[in-house]
């Protein structure tokens, strides 16, 4: 017997469901009326988020299905073209190339920042003279503006007068100077190094906060049982900071996906587009080629990647909590 037959044969069941729904609505309305002052306080935030975040995303999603070649206007204006912009994006070798570069950029820089941040956090959690000063100095790279950091590294990477070439040649590591930012073999690595240098302090400070919540009694008990330093780190430290680690890793991934300034200031996506990550491809498509439809389609792909990473790590967190 299906639900319709039950309602026909037993009208009281339908009445009970209707009354239950009405009761739920009345309860929610009473709750909203009771908390109307709180809703008024968050109303400006809701409006701001709607105007600054939600509306642009919806607008970009619509534009990704429209003709938006500003340099080649048509009489119809901006008609819907279906998935043409997405097809153009994936048929463009530069888009697929930038997508691959983006994944390499994310994988290497996030992993390097996390490992370096964890090593720094463990070091700063160990008592030594001047630890407070070192903790304060570590945060400086992260606190510096991205553009300032990039301009300093451009001088350091300079082919003729850069300090990096000078040091490497003095130690006989290089026989001739290298144009780090102008060489297709080194440009991406040079950009990733700047990203890691600037981003690892955040991971270090966050993980240090997690390390300080671990009880010292656990380490003392492990030492009495004969556990080595490595076993203590593997079986006590890492499991204890897992919640913080997942959050830090997630934030690093999300921030790296939307990274633009560091690579653009250093190389502009060159040479020969070997450092053109997805955000730079979107910028070039929109503000260089004036194909906003293609830029919007690429932006939607970037948004999907961000959502996938977010869902993946959130599921990983839940799986860890259930173990």
C-alpha atoms as a PDB file:
ATOM      1  CA  UNK A   1       0.000   0.000   0.000  1.00  0.00           C
ATOM      2  CA  UNK A   2       1.505   3.320  -1.088  1.00  0.00           C
ATOM      3  CA  UNK A   3       1.350   6.656   0.752  1.00  0.00           C
ATOM      4  CA  UNK A   4      -1.601   7.911  -1.345  1.00  0.00           C
ATOM      5  CA  UNK A   5      -3.739   4.873  -0.451  1.00  0.00           C
ATOM      6  CA  UNK A   6      -2.852   5.327   3.212  1.00  0.00           C
ATOM      7  CA  UNK A   7      -4.041   8.958   3.124  1.00  0.00           C
ATOM      8  CA  UNK A   8      -7.265   7.985   1.290  1.00  0.00           C
ATOM      9  CA  UNK A   9      -8.108   5.102   3.616  1.00  0.00           C
ATOM     10  CA  UNK A  10      -6.957   6.917   6.745  1.00  0.00           C
ATOM     11  CA  UNK A  11      -7.796  10.639   6.559  1.00  0.00           C
ATOM     12  CA  UNK A  12      -6.600  11.056  10.127  1.00  0.00           C
ATOM     13  CA  UNK A  13      -3.040  10.293   8.998  1.00  0.00           C
ATOM     14  CA  UNK A  14      -3.159  13.182   6.514  1.00  0.00           C
ATOM     15  CA  UNK A  15      -4.670  15.454   9.132  1.00  0.00           C
ATOM     16  CA  UNK A  16      -1.922  14.564  11.605  1.00  0.00           C
ATOM     17  CA  UNK A  17       0.776  15.313   8.990  1.00  0.00           C
ATOM     18  CA  UNK A  18      -0.911  18.605   8.108  1.00  0.00           C
ATOM     19  CA  UNK A  19      -1.195  19.582  11.759  1.00  0.00           C
ATOM     20  CA  UNK A  20       2.417  18.584  12.334  1.00  0.00           C
ATOM     21  CA  UNK A  21       3.570  20.758   9.434  1.00  0.00           C
ATOM     22  CA  UNK A  22       1.498  23.712  10.611  1.00  0.00           C
ATOM     23  CA  UNK A  23       2.859  23.281  14.134  1.00  0.00           C
ATOM     24  CA  UNK A  24       6.422  23.256  12.781  1.00  0.00           C
ATOM     25  CA  UNK A  25       5.806  26.435  10.737  1.00  0.00           C
ATOM     26  CA  UNK A  26       4.239  28.195  13.730  1.00  0.00           C
ATOM     27  CA  UNK A  27       7.195  27.197  15.932  1.00  0.00           C
ATOM     28  CA  UNK A  28       9.682  28.523  13.371  1.00  0.00           C
ATOM     29  CA  UNK A  29       7.749  31.789  13.015  1.00  0.00           C
ATOM     30  CA  UNK A  30       7.685  32.219  16.805  1.00  0.00           C
ATOM     31  CA  UNK A  31      11.442  31.560  16.923  1.00  0.00           C
ATOM     32  CA  UNK A  32      12.110  34.108  14.161  1.00  0.00           C
ATOM     33  CA  UNK A  33       9.891  36.667  15.897  1.00  0.00           C
ATOM     34  CA  UNK A  34      11.652  36.053  19.198  1.00  0.00           C
ATOM     35  CA  UNK A  35      15.093  36.446  17.600  1.00  0.00           C
ATOM     36  CA  UNK A  36      14.200  39.276  15.208  1.00  0.00           C
ATOM     37  CA  UNK A  37      16.758  41.591  16.825  1.00  0.00           C
ATOM     38  CA  UNK A  38      19.520  39.052  16.167  1.00  0.00           C
ATOM     39  CA  UNK A  39      18.385  38.691  12.543  1.00  0.00           C
ATOM     40  CA  UNK A  40      18.486  42.472  12.146  1.00  0.00           C
ATOM     41  CA  UNK A  41      22.098  42.495  13.349  1.00  0.00           C
ATOM     42  CA  UNK A  42      23.198  39.857  10.824  1.00  0.00           C
ATOM     43  CA  UNK A  43      21.118  41.367   7.999  1.00  0.00           C
ATOM     44  CA  UNK A  44      23.926  43.739   6.853  1.00  0.00           C
ATOM     45  CA  UNK A  45      26.306  40.764   6.711  1.00  0.00           C
ATOM     46  CA  UNK A  46      23.827  38.728   4.668  1.00  0.00           C
ATOM     47  CA  UNK A  47      23.336  41.619   2.242  1.00  0.00           C
ATOM     48  CA  UNK A  48      27.096  42.188   1.946  1.00  0.00           C
ATOM     49  CA  UNK A  49      27.801  38.502   1.300  1.00  0.00           C
ATOM     50  CA  UNK A  50      24.989  38.412  -1.240  1.00  0.00           C
ATOM     51  CA  UNK A  51      26.283  41.437  -3.142  1.00  0.00           C
ATOM     52  CA  UNK A  52      30.005  40.687  -2.924  1.00  0.00           C
ATOM     53  CA  UNK A  53      30.043  36.887  -3.168  1.00  0.00           C
ATOM     54  CA  UNK A  54      26.787  35.212  -4.165  1.00  0.00           C
ATOM     55  CA  UNK A  55      25.710  37.635  -6.897  1.00  0.00           C
ATOM     56  CA  UNK A  56      29.108  37.643  -8.694  1.00  0.00           C
ATOM     57  CA  UNK A  57      29.193  33.832  -8.666  1.00  0.00           C
ATOM     58  CA  UNK A  58      25.681  33.608 -10.120  1.00  0.00           C
ATOM     59  CA  UNK A  59      26.507  36.314 -12.671  1.00  0.00           C
ATOM     60  CA  UNK A  60      29.730  34.557 -13.696  1.00  0.00           C
ATOM     61  CA  UNK A  61      27.871  31.246 -14.017  1.00  0.00           C
ATOM     62  CA  UNK A  62      25.341  32.877 -16.356  1.00  0.00           C
ATOM     63  CA  UNK A  63      28.081  34.618 -18.362  1.00  0.00           C
ATOM     64  CA  UNK A  64      29.847  31.291 -18.865  1.00  0.00           C
ATOM     65  CA  UNK A  65      26.875  30.227 -21.029  1.00  0.00           C
ATOM     66  CA  UNK A  66      26.672  33.502 -22.975  1.00  0.00           C
ATOM     67  CA  UNK A  67      28.554  35.183 -25.823  1.00  0.00           C
ATOM     68  CA  UNK A  68      30.787  37.761 -24.146  1.00  0.00           C
ATOM     69  CA  UNK A  69      33.531  38.610 -26.641  1.00  0.00           C
ATOM     70  CA  UNK A  70      33.687  42.340 -26.014  1.00  0.00           C
ATOM     71  CA  UNK A  71      36.274  42.858 -28.779  1.00  0.00           C
ATOM     72  CA  UNK A  72      33.887  41.218 -31.283  1.00  0.00           C
ATOM     73  CA  UNK A  73      30.392  42.479 -30.416  1.00  0.00           C
ATOM     74  CA  UNK A  74      27.354  41.132 -32.241  1.00  0.00           C
ATOM     75  CA  UNK A  75      23.901  42.601 -32.820  1.00  0.00           C
ATOM     76  CA  UNK A  76      22.222  40.021 -30.591  1.00  0.00           C
ATOM     77  CA  UNK A  77      24.184  41.308 -27.607  1.00  0.00           C
ATOM     78  CA  UNK A  78      24.988  38.453 -25.233  1.00  0.00           C
ATOM     79  CA  UNK A  79      22.930  35.450 -26.379  1.00  0.00           C
ATOM     80  CA  UNK A  80      23.174  32.061 -24.722  1.00  0.00           C
ATOM     81  CA  UNK A  81      25.626  29.773 -26.487  1.00  0.00           C
ATOM     82  CA  UNK A  82      25.265  26.700 -24.285  1.00  0.00           C
ATOM     83  CA  UNK A  83      28.517  24.961 -23.440  1.00  0.00           C
ATOM     84  CA  UNK A  84      30.457  26.664 -26.232  1.00  0.00           C
ATOM     85  CA  UNK A  85      32.672  28.619 -23.811  1.00  0.00           C
ATOM     86  CA  UNK A  86      33.516  25.442 -21.893  1.00  0.00           C
ATOM     87  CA  UNK A  87      34.229  23.597 -25.147  1.00  0.00           C
ATOM     88  CA  UNK A  88      36.493  26.446 -26.258  1.00  0.00           C
ATOM     89  CA  UNK A  89      38.293  26.358 -22.918  1.00  0.00           C
ATOM     90  CA  UNK A  90      39.005  22.621 -22.999  1.00  0.00           C
ATOM     91  CA  UNK A  91      39.912  22.699 -26.690  1.00  0.00           C
ATOM     92  CA  UNK A  92      42.453  25.430 -25.976  1.00  0.00           C
ATOM     93  CA  UNK A  93      45.849  23.967 -25.233  1.00  0.00           C
ATOM     94  CA  UNK A  94      46.745  26.900 -23.005  1.00  0.00           C
ATOM     95  CA  UNK A  95      43.799  26.194 -20.685  1.00  0.00           C
ATOM     96  CA  UNK A  96      44.731  22.546 -20.219  1.00  0.00           C
ATOM     97  CA  UNK A  97      48.362  23.558 -19.773  1.00  0.00           C
ATOM     98  CA  UNK A  98      47.448  26.117 -17.109  1.00  0.00           C
ATOM     99  CA  UNK A  99      45.260  23.516 -15.392  1.00  0.00           C
ATOM    100  CA  UNK A 100      48.186  21.103 -15.203  1.00  0.00           C
ATOM    101  CA  UNK A 101      50.544  23.819 -13.975  1.00  0.00           C
ATOM    102  CA  UNK A 102      48.008  24.776 -11.316  1.00  0.00           C
ATOM    103  CA  UNK A 103      47.822  21.209  -9.955  1.00  0.00           C
ATOM    104  CA  UNK A 104      51.627  20.971  -9.849  1.00  0.00           C
ATOM    105  CA  UNK A 105      51.822  24.377  -8.173  1.00  0.00           C
ATOM    106  CA  UNK A 106      49.231  23.397  -5.546  1.00  0.00           C
ATOM    107  CA  UNK A 107      50.684  19.957  -4.806  1.00  0.00           C
ATOM    108  CA  UNK A 108      54.294  21.076  -4.359  1.00  0.00           C
ATOM    109  CA  UNK A 109      53.748  24.372  -2.528  1.00  0.00           C
ATOM    110  CA  UNK A 110      51.076  23.083  -0.129  1.00  0.00           C
ATOM    111  CA  UNK A 111      53.077  19.994   0.785  1.00  0.00           C
ATOM    112  CA  UNK A 112      56.295  22.002   1.180  1.00  0.00           C
ATOM    113  CA  UNK A 113      54.638  24.684   3.325  1.00  0.00           C
ATOM    114  CA  UNK A 114      52.976  22.107   5.534  1.00  0.00           C
ATOM    115  CA  UNK A 115      56.125  20.015   6.087  1.00  0.00           C
ATOM    116  CA  UNK A 116      58.304  23.084   6.648  1.00  0.00           C
ATOM    117  CA  UNK A 117      55.660  24.595   8.922  1.00  0.00           C
ATOM    118  CA  UNK A 118      55.411  21.385  10.943  1.00  0.00           C
ATOM    119  CA  UNK A 119      59.204  21.157  11.320  1.00  0.00           C
ATOM    120  CA  UNK A 120      59.340  24.808  12.406  1.00  0.00           C
ATOM    121  CA  UNK A 121      56.485  24.300  14.868  1.00  0.00           C
ATOM    122  CA  UNK A 122      58.224  21.309  16.474  1.00  0.00           C
ATOM    123  CA  UNK A 123      61.424  23.356  16.748  1.00  0.00           C
ATOM    124  CA  UNK A 124      59.638  26.353  18.280  1.00  0.00           C
ATOM    125  CA  UNK A 125      57.866  24.058  20.734  1.00  0.00           C
ATOM    126  CA  UNK A 126      61.242  22.929  22.091  1.00  0.00           C
ATOM    127  CA  UNK A 127      62.615  25.109  24.923  1.00  0.00           C
ATOM    128  CA  UNK A 128      65.745  27.083  23.996  1.00  0.00           C
ATOM    129  CA  UNK A 129      67.176  30.508  24.745  1.00  0.00           C
ATOM    130  CA  UNK A 130      65.591  33.270  22.685  1.00  0.00           C
ATOM    131  CA  UNK A 131      62.611  31.156  21.638  1.00  0.00           C
ATOM    132  CA  UNK A 132      60.171  34.051  22.096  1.00  0.00           C
ATOM    133  CA  UNK A 133      62.169  36.268  19.729  1.00  0.00           C
ATOM    134  CA  UNK A 134      62.423  33.518  17.106  1.00  0.00           C
ATOM    135  CA  UNK A 135      58.656  32.958  17.288  1.00  0.00           C
ATOM    136  CA  UNK A 136      58.104  36.639  16.596  1.00  0.00           C
ATOM    137  CA  UNK A 137      60.575  36.697  13.683  1.00  0.00           C
ATOM    138  CA  UNK A 138      59.117  33.597  12.004  1.00  0.00           C
ATOM    139  CA  UNK A 139      55.835  35.342  11.285  1.00  0.00           C
ATOM    140  CA  UNK A 140      57.488  38.195   9.332  1.00  0.00           C
ATOM    141  CA  UNK A 141      57.436  36.527   5.864  1.00  0.00           C
ATOM    142  CA  UNK A 142      53.708  35.840   6.170  1.00  0.00           C
ATOM    143  CA  UNK A 143      52.982  39.373   7.409  1.00  0.00           C
ATOM    144  CA  UNK A 144      54.786  41.089   4.519  1.00  0.00           C
ATOM    145  CA  UNK A 145      52.618  42.223   1.574  1.00  0.00           C
ATOM    146  CA  UNK A 146      52.844  39.883  -1.408  1.00  0.00           C
ATOM    147  CA  UNK A 147      53.909  42.588  -3.850  1.00  0.00           C
ATOM    148  CA  UNK A 148      56.737  43.758  -1.575  1.00  0.00           C
ATOM    149  CA  UNK A 149      57.937  40.179  -1.147  1.00  0.00           C
ATOM    150  CA  UNK A 150      57.895  39.594  -4.902  1.00  0.00           C
ATOM    151  CA  UNK A 151      59.798  42.806  -5.671  1.00  0.00           C
ATOM    152  CA  UNK A 152      62.522  41.823  -3.198  1.00  0.00           C
ATOM    153  CA  UNK A 153      62.825  38.355  -4.742  1.00  0.00           C
ATOM    154  CA  UNK A 154      62.942  39.833  -8.256  1.00  0.00           C
ATOM    155  CA  UNK A 155      66.074  41.713  -7.168  1.00  0.00           C
ATOM    156  CA  UNK A 156      67.484  38.581  -5.515  1.00  0.00           C
ATOM    157  CA  UNK A 157      66.821  36.493  -8.649  1.00  0.00           C
ATOM    158  CA  UNK A 158      68.374  39.108 -10.947  1.00  0.00           C
ATOM    159  CA  UNK A 159      70.674  37.668 -13.609  1.00  0.00           C
ATOM    160  CA  UNK A 160      73.517  40.179 -13.185  1.00  0.00           C
ATOM    161  CA  UNK A 161      73.246  41.578  -9.673  1.00  0.00           C
ATOM    162  CA  UNK A 162      71.099  39.028  -7.807  1.00  0.00           C
ATOM    163  CA  UNK A 163      72.432  37.774  -4.486  1.00  0.00           C
ATOM    164  CA  UNK A 164      71.219  34.200  -5.179  1.00  0.00           C
ATOM    165  CA  UNK A 165      73.366  33.873  -8.309  1.00  0.00           C
ATOM    166  CA  UNK A 166      76.284  35.442  -6.452  1.00  0.00           C
ATOM    167  CA  UNK A 167      76.081  32.957  -3.569  1.00  0.00           C
ATOM    168  CA  UNK A 168      75.666  29.908  -5.823  1.00  0.00           C
ATOM    169  CA  UNK A 169      78.635  30.941  -7.947  1.00  0.00           C
ATOM    170  CA  UNK A 170      80.848  31.590  -4.914  1.00  0.00           C
ATOM    171  CA  UNK A 171      80.147  28.051  -3.684  1.00  0.00           C
ATOM    172  CA  UNK A 172      80.833  26.704  -7.209  1.00  0.00           C
ATOM    173  CA  UNK A 173      77.287  25.358  -7.513  1.00  0.00           C
ATOM    174  CA  UNK A 174      76.860  27.416 -10.680  1.00  0.00           C
ATOM    175  CA  UNK A 175      79.512  28.229 -13.251  1.00  0.00           C
ATOM    176  CA  UNK A 176      77.373  30.902 -14.930  1.00  0.00           C
ATOM    177  CA  UNK A 177      74.496  33.032 -13.618  1.00  0.00           C
ATOM    178  CA  UNK A 178      70.937  31.950 -14.359  1.00  0.00           C
ATOM    179  CA  UNK A 179      67.941  34.130 -15.198  1.00  0.00           C
ATOM    180  CA  UNK A 180      65.723  32.273 -12.737  1.00  0.00           C
ATOM    181  CA  UNK A 181      62.534  34.108 -13.687  1.00  0.00           C
ATOM    182  CA  UNK A 182      63.312  34.188 -17.415  1.00  0.00           C
ATOM    183  CA  UNK A 183      64.287  30.548 -17.862  1.00  0.00           C
ATOM    184  CA  UNK A 184      61.547  28.058 -18.745  1.00  0.00           C
ATOM    185  CA  UNK A 185      63.234  25.391 -16.608  1.00  0.00           C
ATOM    186  CA  UNK A 186      63.501  27.456 -13.431  1.00  0.00           C
ATOM    187  CA  UNK A 187      60.716  30.083 -13.540  1.00  0.00           C
ATOM    188  CA  UNK A 188      57.987  27.911 -11.991  1.00  0.00           C
ATOM    189  CA  UNK A 189      60.312  26.572  -9.307  1.00  0.00           C
ATOM    190  CA  UNK A 190      61.431  30.114  -8.470  1.00  0.00           C
ATOM    191  CA  UNK A 191      57.798  31.223  -8.098  1.00  0.00           C
ATOM    192  CA  UNK A 192      56.973  28.197  -5.939  1.00  0.00           C
ATOM    193  CA  UNK A 193      59.944  28.934  -3.690  1.00  0.00           C
ATOM    194  CA  UNK A 194      58.593  32.430  -3.006  1.00  0.00           C
ATOM    195  CA  UNK A 195      55.160  30.986  -2.284  1.00  0.00           C
ATOM    196  CA  UNK A 196      56.618  28.489   0.192  1.00  0.00           C
ATOM    197  CA  UNK A 197      58.825  31.085   1.875  1.00  0.00           C
ATOM    198  CA  UNK A 198      55.903  33.423   2.379  1.00  0.00           C
ATOM    199  CA  UNK A 199      53.314  30.819   3.369  1.00  0.00           C
ATOM    200  CA  UNK A 200      55.053  28.402   5.738  1.00  0.00           C
ATOM    201  CA  UNK A 201      54.964  30.724   8.820  1.00  0.00           C
ATOM    202  CA  UNK A 202      51.150  30.520   8.905  1.00  0.00           C
ATOM    203  CA  UNK A 203      51.303  26.723   9.013  1.00  0.00           C
ATOM    204  CA  UNK A 204      54.034  26.890  11.651  1.00  0.00           C
ATOM    205  CA  UNK A 205      52.084  29.172  14.004  1.00  0.00           C
ATOM    206  CA  UNK A 206      48.835  27.217  13.638  1.00  0.00           C
ATOM    207  CA  UNK A 207      50.544  23.864  14.189  1.00  0.00           C
ATOM    208  CA  UNK A 208      52.517  25.302  17.114  1.00  0.00           C
ATOM    209  CA  UNK A 209      49.208  26.193  18.773  1.00  0.00           C
ATOM    210  CA  UNK A 210      48.121  22.590  18.290  1.00  0.00           C
ATOM    211  CA  UNK A 211      51.374  21.233  19.732  1.00  0.00           C
ATOM    212  CA  UNK A 212      50.975  23.310  22.879  1.00  0.00           C
ATOM    213  CA  UNK A 213      47.667  21.599  23.669  1.00  0.00           C
ATOM    214  CA  UNK A 214      49.347  18.174  23.983  1.00  0.00           C
ATOM    215  CA  UNK A 215      49.885  17.105  27.585  1.00  0.00           C
ATOM    216  CA  UNK A 216      53.522  16.553  28.547  1.00  0.00           C
ATOM    217  CA  UNK A 217      52.426  13.578  30.648  1.00  0.00           C
ATOM    218  CA  UNK A 218      51.840  11.620  27.456  1.00  0.00           C
ATOM    219  CA  UNK A 219      55.454  12.094  26.380  1.00  0.00           C
ATOM    220  CA  UNK A 220      56.755  11.252  29.872  1.00  0.00           C
ATOM    221  CA  UNK A 221      54.718   8.041  29.944  1.00  0.00           C
ATOM    222  CA  UNK A 222      55.954   7.123  26.469  1.00  0.00           C
ATOM    223  CA  UNK A 223      59.575   7.753  27.517  1.00  0.00           C
ATOM    224  CA  UNK A 224      59.160   5.497  30.548  1.00  0.00           C
ATOM    225  CA  UNK A 225      57.832   2.777  28.249  1.00  0.00           C
ATOM    226  CA  UNK A 226      60.966   3.126  26.121  1.00  0.00           C
ATOM    227  CA  UNK A 227      59.449   4.915  23.109  1.00  0.00           C
ATOM    228  CA  UNK A 228      61.983   6.734  20.933  1.00  0.00           C
ATOM    229  CA  UNK A 229      61.593  10.369  19.890  1.00  0.00           C
ATOM    230  CA  UNK A 230      60.436   9.304  16.436  1.00  0.00           C
ATOM    231  CA  UNK A 231      57.801   6.930  17.875  1.00  0.00           C
ATOM    232  CA  UNK A 232      56.561   9.685  20.196  1.00  0.00           C
ATOM    233  CA  UNK A 233      56.236  12.021  17.246  1.00  0.00           C
ATOM    234  CA  UNK A 234      54.463   9.408  15.092  1.00  0.00           C
ATOM    235  CA  UNK A 235      52.097   7.990  17.723  1.00  0.00           C
ATOM    236  CA  UNK A 236      51.476  11.016  19.974  1.00  0.00           C
ATOM    237  CA  UNK A 237      52.267  14.284  18.186  1.00  0.00           C
ATOM    238  CA  UNK A 238      50.724  13.632  14.766  1.00  0.00           C
ATOM    239  CA  UNK A 239      47.445  12.064  16.012  1.00  0.00           C
ATOM    240  CA  UNK A 240      47.025  14.829  18.608  1.00  0.00           C
ATOM    241  CA  UNK A 241      47.325  17.668  16.079  1.00  0.00           C
ATOM    242  CA  UNK A 242      45.308  15.938  13.343  1.00  0.00           C
ATOM    243  CA  UNK A 243      42.281  18.297  13.640  1.00  0.00           C
ATOM    244  CA  UNK A 244      44.515  21.375  13.379  1.00  0.00           C
ATOM    245  CA  UNK A 245      46.548  19.788  10.581  1.00  0.00           C
ATOM    246  CA  UNK A 246      43.465  19.137   8.459  1.00  0.00           C
ATOM    247  CA  UNK A 247      42.269  22.730   8.894  1.00  0.00           C
ATOM    248  CA  UNK A 248      45.707  24.131   8.031  1.00  0.00           C
ATOM    249  CA  UNK A 249      46.044  21.855   5.006  1.00  0.00           C
ATOM    250  CA  UNK A 250      42.584  22.817   3.790  1.00  0.00           C
ATOM    251  CA  UNK A 251      43.281  26.533   4.148  1.00  0.00           C
ATOM    252  CA  UNK A 252      46.599  26.198   2.328  1.00  0.00           C
ATOM    253  CA  UNK A 253      44.931  24.377  -0.566  1.00  0.00           C
ATOM    254  CA  UNK A 254      42.116  26.921  -0.868  1.00  0.00           C
ATOM    255  CA  UNK A 255      44.489  29.896  -0.707  1.00  0.00           C
ATOM    256  CA  UNK A 256      46.830  28.333  -3.256  1.00  0.00           C
ATOM    257  CA  UNK A 257      44.007  27.599  -5.702  1.00  0.00           C
ATOM    258  CA  UNK A 258      43.152  31.293  -5.830  1.00  0.00           C
ATOM    259  CA  UNK A 259      46.779  32.473  -5.779  1.00  0.00           C
ATOM    260  CA  UNK A 260      47.480  35.152  -8.361  1.00  0.00           C
ATOM    261  CA  UNK A 261      49.671  38.000  -7.138  1.00  0.00           C
ATOM    262  CA  UNK A 262      52.886  36.074  -6.441  1.00  0.00           C
ATOM    263  CA  UNK A 263      53.172  34.389  -9.842  1.00  0.00           C
ATOM    264  CA  UNK A 264      51.868  37.376 -11.785  1.00  0.00           C
ATOM    265  CA  UNK A 265      54.247  39.908 -10.188  1.00  0.00           C
ATOM    266  CA  UNK A 266      57.223  37.559 -10.541  1.00  0.00           C
ATOM    267  CA  UNK A 267      56.719  36.290 -14.081  1.00  0.00           C
ATOM    268  CA  UNK A 268      53.387  37.507 -15.454  1.00  0.00           C
ATOM    269  CA  UNK A 269      52.718  33.891 -16.424  1.00  0.00           C
ATOM    270  CA  UNK A 270      55.826  33.625 -18.576  1.00  0.00           C
ATOM    271  CA  UNK A 271      58.244  32.824 -20.001  1.00  0.00           C
ATOM    272  CA  UNK A 272      56.350  31.018 -22.769  1.00  0.00           C
ATOM    273  CA  UNK A 273      53.385  30.653 -20.352  1.00  0.00           C
ATOM    274  CA  UNK A 274      55.185  27.974 -18.280  1.00  0.00           C
ATOM    275  CA  UNK A 275      54.047  29.686 -15.055  1.00  0.00           C
ATOM    276  CA  UNK A 276      50.532  30.496 -16.234  1.00  0.00           C
ATOM    277  CA  UNK A 277      48.378  29.102 -13.456  1.00  0.00           C
ATOM    278  CA  UNK A 278      44.604  29.056 -13.872  1.00  0.00           C
ATOM    279  CA  UNK A 279      43.988  32.433 -12.233  1.00  0.00           C
ATOM    280  CA  UNK A 280      46.398  34.105 -14.673  1.00  0.00           C
ATOM    281  CA  UNK A 281      44.717  32.317 -17.601  1.00  0.00           C
ATOM    282  CA  UNK A 282      41.361  33.727 -16.425  1.00  0.00           C
ATOM    283  CA  UNK A 283      42.871  37.210 -16.116  1.00  0.00           C
ATOM    284  CA  UNK A 284      44.356  37.049 -19.610  1.00  0.00           C
ATOM    285  CA  UNK A 285      41.147  35.700 -21.145  1.00  0.00           C
ATOM    286  CA  UNK A 286      39.057  38.422 -19.541  1.00  0.00           C
ATOM    287  CA  UNK A 287      41.264  41.511 -19.457  1.00  0.00           C
ATOM    288  CA  UNK A 288      43.703  40.851 -22.298  1.00  0.00           C
ATOM    289  CA  UNK A 289      41.573  39.049 -24.888  1.00  0.00           C
ATOM    290  CA  UNK A 290      38.296  40.535 -23.557  1.00  0.00           C
ATOM    291  CA  UNK A 291      36.568  37.163 -23.859  1.00  0.00           C
ATOM    292  CA  UNK A 292      34.604  37.293 -20.621  1.00  0.00           C
ATOM    293  CA  UNK A 293      32.584  34.209 -21.539  1.00  0.00           C
ATOM    294  CA  UNK A 294      35.747  32.102 -21.718  1.00  0.00           C
ATOM    295  CA  UNK A 295      37.057  33.712 -18.531  1.00  0.00           C
ATOM    296  CA  UNK A 296      33.779  32.971 -16.721  1.00  0.00           C
ATOM    297  CA  UNK A 297      33.832  29.345 -17.892  1.00  0.00           C
ATOM    298  CA  UNK A 298      37.410  28.914 -16.651  1.00  0.00           C
ATOM    299  CA  UNK A 299      36.383  30.603 -13.400  1.00  0.00           C
ATOM    300  CA  UNK A 300      33.577  28.076 -12.924  1.00  0.00           C
ATOM    301  CA  UNK A 301      36.082  25.258 -13.435  1.00  0.00           C
ATOM    302  CA  UNK A 302      38.271  26.843 -10.770  1.00  0.00           C
ATOM    303  CA  UNK A 303      35.258  27.091  -8.438  1.00  0.00           C
ATOM    304  CA  UNK A 304      34.446  23.405  -8.965  1.00  0.00           C
ATOM    305  CA  UNK A 305      38.047  22.460  -8.148  1.00  0.00           C
ATOM    306  CA  UNK A 306      37.844  24.491  -4.934  1.00  0.00           C
ATOM    307  CA  UNK A 307      34.592  22.792  -3.920  1.00  0.00           C
ATOM    308  CA  UNK A 308      36.013  19.329  -4.688  1.00  0.00           C
ATOM    309  CA  UNK A 309      39.051  19.946  -2.494  1.00  0.00           C
ATOM    310  CA  UNK A 310      36.844  21.274   0.294  1.00  0.00           C
ATOM    311  CA  UNK A 311      34.496  18.272   0.211  1.00  0.00           C
ATOM    312  CA  UNK A 312      37.413  15.837  -0.026  1.00  0.00           C
ATOM    313  CA  UNK A 313      39.193  17.161   3.049  1.00  0.00           C
ATOM    314  CA  UNK A 314      35.972  17.497   5.041  1.00  0.00           C
ATOM    315  CA  UNK A 315      35.199  13.842   4.355  1.00  0.00           C
ATOM    316  CA  UNK A 316      38.750  12.963   5.358  1.00  0.00           C
ATOM    317  CA  UNK A 317      38.216  14.818   8.631  1.00  0.00           C
ATOM    318  CA  UNK A 318      34.985  12.942   9.385  1.00  0.00           C
ATOM    319  CA  UNK A 319      36.634   9.633   8.533  1.00  0.00           C
ATOM    320  CA  UNK A 320      39.454  10.419  10.949  1.00  0.00           C
ATOM    321  CA  UNK A 321      37.015  11.282  13.719  1.00  0.00           C
ATOM    322  CA  UNK A 322      35.112   8.005  13.267  1.00  0.00           C
ATOM    323  CA  UNK A 323      38.258   5.886  13.654  1.00  0.00           C
END
